[in-house]
Amino acid sequence: MIPAPDTRPDYEDDRNFATALARGLSVLRAFRTDDDGLSNAQIAERTGLPKSTVSRLTYTLGCLGYLTQPQRNDRYRPGPTLLAMGHVAAASLAFLDSAQGMMQALADQTGTLVLFAVRDRDKVALMRTWRPQRAASIWLEVGHRLPIAGSSSGLALLGATTREEFAGLLADHPEPPLDGGTLDDLRLEARGQLIAKGYTVVRQGLRYSSNISAVSVPFRSARLAGPVMFSCGALDDVLPDDRIHAHVGPVLRETVARLQRLVGADGVPAWPGSPND
């Protein structure tokens, strides 16, 4: 049996860790934006939990309003309580309202898909996208999860993390770089890119998708515990390295800097000055 993502062995010896709660949350995390509901069997497959455990959890979550099941034996869907909590959580991302016009203009100007991503345990997850209005673009949905070591968003996350944040990230065991290196070394590489250029680009040999290029810039908000990322991505022929460094990377960097000034954090870098900070 594959252990559920939220009940991995690291926490089992911690007497303060509530395993039952973690399992319930892993059920909620199993849902994706493109799902038309999930059965208990599908949830069990995604979480690695026994189907009997899933059945008890979905029943309980349904009673509390976190899940809804329109008809008996029908698939489960996010319920009103969960949706209400989502609206509360979205208040922490209020800066995205200010970012809307900027990022759409950036997408139109560069002809790339502009993404907003946050750390989701051992990966980064897309929370919002802006597509160019007059150009075809790559298709990534909200909720899509990318490997930290293989994406520019993940690289920006690594470069912007403090030592304490990095330790917390390692506790979730993200996959190591494809070249066999360490996340510690990749963090130093990412920090170097941020200091030198203000954006990050993943080396070809590390990319999770070999035909997609992307560039990312970290962003910090006083209402969030760690860095979040804005990115521009496209197929290689649309976004080659020379175009990233000559135009798209600098424009993305300046757009995020304008947003940073708009929310009142002008002059505060999204990354620490030293990897030991």
Protein backbone atom coordinates (compact mmCIF):
# COMPACT_ATOMS: atom_id res chain seq x y z
CA MET A 1 0.00 0.00 0.00
CA ILE A 2 1.37 3.43 -0.97
CA PRO A 3 1.30 5.74 2.08
CA ALA A 4 -1.00 8.72 1.80
CA PRO A 5 0.86 11.93 1.00
CA ASP A 6 -0.21 13.60 4.24
CA THR A 7 0.66 10.65 6.49
CA ARG A 8 4.20 9.97 5.38
CA PRO A 9 6.49 8.29 7.94
CA ASP A 10 8.29 11.54 8.91
CA TYR A 11 5.32 12.55 11.04
CA GLU A 12 4.36 9.20 12.54
CA ASP A 13 6.59 9.59 15.60
CA ASP A 14 5.31 13.10 16.32
CA ARG A 15 2.69 12.77 19.06
CA ASN A 16 1.25 16.16 18.08
CA PHE A 17 0.47 14.98 14.56
CA ALA A 18 -3.23 14.10 14.05
CA THR A 19 -3.17 11.27 11.52
CA ALA A 20 -6.96 11.08 11.15
CA LEU A 21 -7.12 14.79 10.33
CA ALA A 22 -4.27 14.43 7.84
CA ARG A 23 -6.10 11.61 6.09
CA GLY A 24 -9.27 13.67 5.85
CA LEU A 25 -7.33 16.55 4.34
CA SER A 26 -5.65 14.20 1.86
CA VAL A 27 -9.14 13.27 0.63
CA LEU A 28 -9.94 16.94 0.00
CA ARG A 29 -6.60 17.41 -1.75
CA ALA A 30 -7.41 14.58 -4.15
CA PHE A 31 -9.87 16.75 -6.10
CA ARG A 32 -8.74 18.59 -9.23
CA THR A 33 -10.36 21.37 -11.20
CA ASP A 34 -11.13 19.16 -14.21
CA ASP A 35 -12.80 16.39 -12.16
CA ASP A 36 -16.49 15.69 -12.63
CA GLY A 37 -16.72 14.28 -9.13
CA LEU A 38 -14.76 11.35 -7.66
CA SER A 39 -15.83 7.94 -6.43
CA ASN A 40 -14.42 6.41 -3.26
CA ALA A 41 -12.33 4.08 -5.43
CA GLN A 42 -10.81 7.01 -7.33
CA ILE A 43 -10.06 8.87 -4.11
CA ALA A 44 -8.45 5.73 -2.66
CA GLU A 45 -6.26 5.42 -5.76
CA ARG A 46 -5.12 9.05 -5.57
CA THR A 47 -4.46 9.12 -1.84
CA GLY A 48 -3.11 5.62 -1.30
CA LEU A 49 -5.62 5.11 1.53
CA PRO A 50 -7.66 1.91 1.92
CA LYS A 51 -11.09 2.17 0.32
CA SER A 52 -12.79 1.37 3.66
CA THR A 53 -10.97 4.32 5.26
CA VAL A 54 -11.91 6.57 2.36
CA SER A 55 -15.57 5.57 2.68
CA ARG A 56 -15.63 6.65 6.34
CA LEU A 57 -13.82 9.88 5.59
CA THR A 58 -16.04 10.88 2.67
CA TYR A 59 -19.15 10.09 4.74
CA THR A 60 -17.87 12.31 7.58
CA LEU A 61 -16.80 15.11 5.25
CA GLY A 62 -20.19 14.91 3.57
CA CYS A 63 -22.00 15.24 6.90
CA LEU A 64 -19.97 18.36 7.66
CA GLY A 65 -20.59 19.95 4.26
CA TYR A 66 -17.01 19.68 2.95
CA LEU A 67 -18.16 17.21 0.29
CA THR A 68 -21.50 16.77 -1.41
CA GLN A 69 -23.08 13.67 -2.96
CA PRO A 70 -26.19 14.71 -4.92
CA GLN A 71 -27.58 11.16 -5.04
CA ARG A 72 -26.82 7.95 -3.18
CA ASN A 73 -23.82 6.15 -4.74
CA ASP A 74 -23.13 9.23 -6.86
CA ARG A 75 -19.64 10.73 -7.06
CA TYR A 76 -18.46 13.17 -4.42
CA ARG A 77 -17.85 16.83 -5.23
CA PRO A 78 -16.56 19.80 -3.17
CA GLY A 79 -19.33 20.97 -0.85
CA PRO A 80 -20.49 24.41 0.31
CA THR A 81 -18.36 24.43 3.46
CA LEU A 82 -15.20 23.77 1.47
CA LEU A 83 -16.13 26.45 -1.06
CA ALA A 84 -16.71 28.97 1.72
CA MET A 85 -13.29 28.18 3.19
CA GLY A 86 -11.78 28.68 -0.25
CA HIS A 87 -13.18 32.20 -0.40
CA VAL A 88 -11.67 32.96 3.00
CA ALA A 89 -8.29 31.60 1.91
CA ALA A 90 -8.47 33.61 -1.32
CA ALA A 91 -8.34 36.79 0.77
CA SER A 92 -4.65 36.06 1.30
CA LEU A 93 -4.21 36.36 -2.48
CA ALA A 94 -5.97 39.71 -2.80
CA PHE A 95 -2.95 41.07 -4.67
CA LEU A 96 -4.03 38.92 -7.63
CA ASP A 97 -6.87 41.38 -8.25
CA SER A 98 -4.24 44.08 -8.75
CA ALA A 99 -2.18 41.69 -10.85
CA GLN A 100 -5.01 40.82 -13.25
CA GLY A 101 -4.54 43.65 -15.76
CA MET A 102 -0.74 43.55 -15.54
CA MET A 103 -0.47 39.83 -16.16
CA GLN A 104 -2.98 39.81 -19.00
CA ALA A 105 -1.05 42.63 -20.67
CA LEU A 106 2.16 40.63 -20.13
CA ALA A 107 0.62 37.55 -21.74
CA ASP A 108 -0.56 39.60 -24.74
CA GLN A 109 2.78 41.40 -25.10
CA THR A 110 4.95 38.27 -24.92
CA GLY A 111 2.58 35.75 -26.53
CA THR A 112 3.19 33.38 -23.62
CA LEU A 113 1.04 31.71 -21.00
CA VAL A 114 1.50 33.66 -17.77
CA LEU A 115 1.16 31.58 -14.60
CA PHE A 116 0.82 32.18 -10.88
CA ALA A 117 2.06 29.26 -8.77
CA VAL A 118 2.42 28.44 -5.08
CA ARG A 119 4.21 25.69 -3.22
CA ASP A 120 2.00 22.64 -2.69
CA ARG A 121 4.02 20.40 -0.36
CA ASP A 122 6.59 18.65 -2.58
CA LYS A 123 5.57 20.45 -5.80
CA VAL A 124 4.36 23.81 -7.07
CA ALA A 125 0.71 24.17 -8.10
CA LEU A 126 -0.78 26.55 -10.62
CA MET A 127 -3.38 28.84 -9.05
CA ARG A 128 -4.15 31.20 -11.94
CA THR A 129 -3.30 31.54 -15.63
CA TRP A 130 -3.50 34.33 -18.20
CA ARG A 131 -3.58 33.37 -21.90
CA PRO A 132 -2.55 35.68 -24.76
CA GLN A 133 -5.64 36.88 -26.60
CA ARG A 134 -4.21 36.81 -30.12
CA ALA A 135 -1.80 33.88 -30.00
CA ALA A 136 -1.91 30.15 -29.39
CA SER A 137 -0.33 29.08 -26.11
CA ILE A 138 0.51 25.98 -24.14
CA TRP A 139 -2.41 24.60 -22.15
CA LEU A 140 -1.96 24.16 -18.42
CA GLU A 141 -4.96 24.15 -16.09
CA VAL A 142 -5.31 25.65 -12.64
CA GLY A 143 -4.41 22.93 -10.14
CA HIS A 144 -1.71 21.44 -12.37
CA ARG A 145 1.32 20.49 -10.23
CA LEU A 146 4.92 20.86 -11.39
CA PRO A 147 8.10 19.33 -9.93
CA ILE A 148 10.17 21.79 -7.95
CA ALA A 149 13.53 20.73 -9.39
CA GLY A 150 12.28 20.57 -12.97
CA SER A 151 10.34 23.80 -13.43
CA SER A 152 11.29 27.47 -13.49
CA SER A 153 8.57 28.13 -10.89
CA GLY A 154 10.18 25.57 -8.61
CA LEU A 155 13.60 27.05 -9.24
CA ALA A 156 12.32 30.52 -8.31
CA LEU A 157 10.82 29.00 -5.15
CA LEU A 158 14.14 27.40 -4.22
CA GLY A 159 16.08 30.60 -4.86
CA ALA A 160 13.72 32.70 -2.78
CA THR A 161 13.47 30.41 0.25
CA THR A 162 15.05 31.31 3.55
CA ARG A 163 17.02 28.63 5.37
CA GLU A 164 14.01 27.90 7.58
CA GLU A 165 11.62 27.72 4.61
CA PHE A 166 14.04 25.44 2.77
CA ALA A 167 14.20 23.05 5.72
CA GLY A 168 10.40 22.86 5.72
CA LEU A 169 10.39 22.17 1.99
CA LEU A 170 12.93 19.33 2.36
CA ALA A 171 10.69 17.73 5.00
CA ASP A 172 8.15 17.11 2.23
CA HIS A 173 10.74 15.21 0.15
CA PRO A 174 10.51 16.89 -3.28
CA GLU A 175 12.02 14.89 -6.11
CA PRO A 176 15.75 15.53 -6.66
CA PRO A 177 17.08 17.13 -9.87
CA LEU A 178 17.16 14.89 -12.92
CA ASP A 179 20.93 15.26 -13.24
CA GLY A 180 21.51 13.53 -9.90
CA GLY A 181 22.44 16.74 -8.09
CA THR A 182 21.02 17.95 -4.80
CA LEU A 183 18.34 20.47 -4.02
CA ASP A 184 20.88 22.34 -1.89
CA ASP A 185 23.10 22.89 -4.94
CA LEU A 186 20.09 23.78 -7.09
CA ARG A 187 19.00 26.33 -4.49
CA LEU A 188 22.41 28.00 -4.71
CA GLU A 189 22.17 28.01 -8.51
CA ALA A 190 18.69 29.54 -8.37
CA ARG A 191 19.81 32.20 -5.86
CA GLY A 192 22.67 33.08 -8.19
CA GLN A 193 20.26 33.54 -11.10
CA LEU A 194 17.99 35.78 -9.01
CA ILE A 195 20.89 37.94 -7.84
CA ALA A 196 22.36 38.23 -11.35
CA LYS A 197 19.18 38.56 -13.45
CA GLY A 198 16.15 38.76 -11.17
CA TYR A 199 14.53 35.66 -12.73
CA THR A 200 15.14 31.92 -13.03
CA VAL A 201 15.37 29.55 -15.99
CA VAL A 202 15.77 25.78 -15.73
CA ARG A 203 18.66 24.18 -17.58
CA GLN A 204 17.56 21.93 -20.47
CA GLY A 205 18.73 18.75 -18.76
CA LEU A 206 16.57 19.44 -15.69
CA ARG A 207 13.26 20.35 -17.36
CA TYR A 208 10.27 18.18 -16.55
CA SER A 209 9.04 18.83 -20.11
CA SER A 210 11.82 19.04 -22.68
CA ASN A 211 9.84 21.03 -25.27
CA ILE A 212 8.54 23.78 -22.97
CA SER A 213 10.55 26.84 -21.94
CA ALA A 214 9.67 29.08 -19.02
CA VAL A 215 11.03 31.90 -16.91
CA SER A 216 9.90 32.76 -13.37
CA VAL A 217 10.14 35.51 -10.77
CA PRO A 218 9.35 35.06 -7.05
CA PHE A 219 7.02 37.40 -5.19
CA ARG A 220 6.35 37.92 -1.50
CA SER A 221 3.26 39.17 0.27
CA ALA A 222 3.01 40.06 3.95
CA ARG A 223 -0.10 37.84 4.12
CA LEU A 224 1.70 34.70 2.94
CA ALA A 225 4.24 32.60 4.81
CA GLY A 226 6.58 32.02 1.87
CA PRO A 227 7.39 33.07 -1.69
CA VAL A 228 4.99 32.59 -4.58
CA MET A 229 5.88 32.70 -8.27
CA PHE A 230 4.87 34.37 -11.52
CA SER A 231 6.03 32.73 -14.77
CA CYS A 232 5.90 33.02 -18.55
CA GLY A 233 5.89 29.77 -20.51
CA ALA A 234 5.65 28.62 -24.12
CA LEU A 235 6.94 25.99 -26.53
CA ASP A 236 10.67 26.17 -27.22
CA ASP A 237 10.25 27.64 -30.69
CA VAL A 238 8.17 30.51 -29.25
CA LEU A 239 10.35 31.09 -26.20
CA PRO A 240 13.99 30.20 -26.95
CA ASP A 241 16.67 31.10 -24.41
CA ASP A 242 17.84 34.17 -26.32
CA ARG A 243 14.30 35.63 -26.30
CA ILE A 244 13.96 34.89 -22.58
CA HIS A 245 17.11 36.84 -21.72
CA ALA A 246 16.63 39.62 -24.27
CA HIS A 247 12.96 40.37 -23.62
CA VAL A 248 10.57 38.09 -21.75
CA GLY A 249 12.61 37.59 -18.56
CA PRO A 250 13.30 41.32 -18.04
CA VAL A 251 9.68 42.25 -18.83
CA LEU A 252 8.38 39.65 -16.36
CA ARG A 253 10.84 40.88 -13.73
CA GLU A 254 9.71 44.49 -14.16
CA THR A 255 6.03 43.54 -14.14
CA VAL A 256 6.40 41.70 -10.84
CA ALA A 257 8.41 44.62 -9.44
CA ARG A 258 5.55 46.97 -10.36
CA LEU A 259 3.13 44.68 -8.56
CA GLN A 260 5.45 44.60 -5.56
CA ARG A 261 5.46 48.41 -5.47
CA LEU A 262 1.69 48.50 -5.85
CA VAL A 263 1.14 46.35 -2.76
CA GLY A 264 3.51 48.47 -0.71
CA ALA A 265 6.65 46.34 -0.62
CA ASP A 266 8.86 48.47 -2.84
CA GLY A 267 12.56 47.82 -2.40
CA VAL A 268 12.09 44.57 -0.48
CA PRO A 269 13.55 41.66 -2.51
CA ALA A 270 11.60 38.44 -2.70
CA TRP A 271 14.76 36.48 -1.89
CA PRO A 272 17.20 36.78 1.05
CA GLY A 273 20.62 38.27 0.43
CA SER A 274 22.41 35.11 1.58
CA PRO A 275 21.52 31.38 1.37
CA ASN A 276 22.19 31.26 5.14
CA ASP A 277 19.45 33.82 5.91
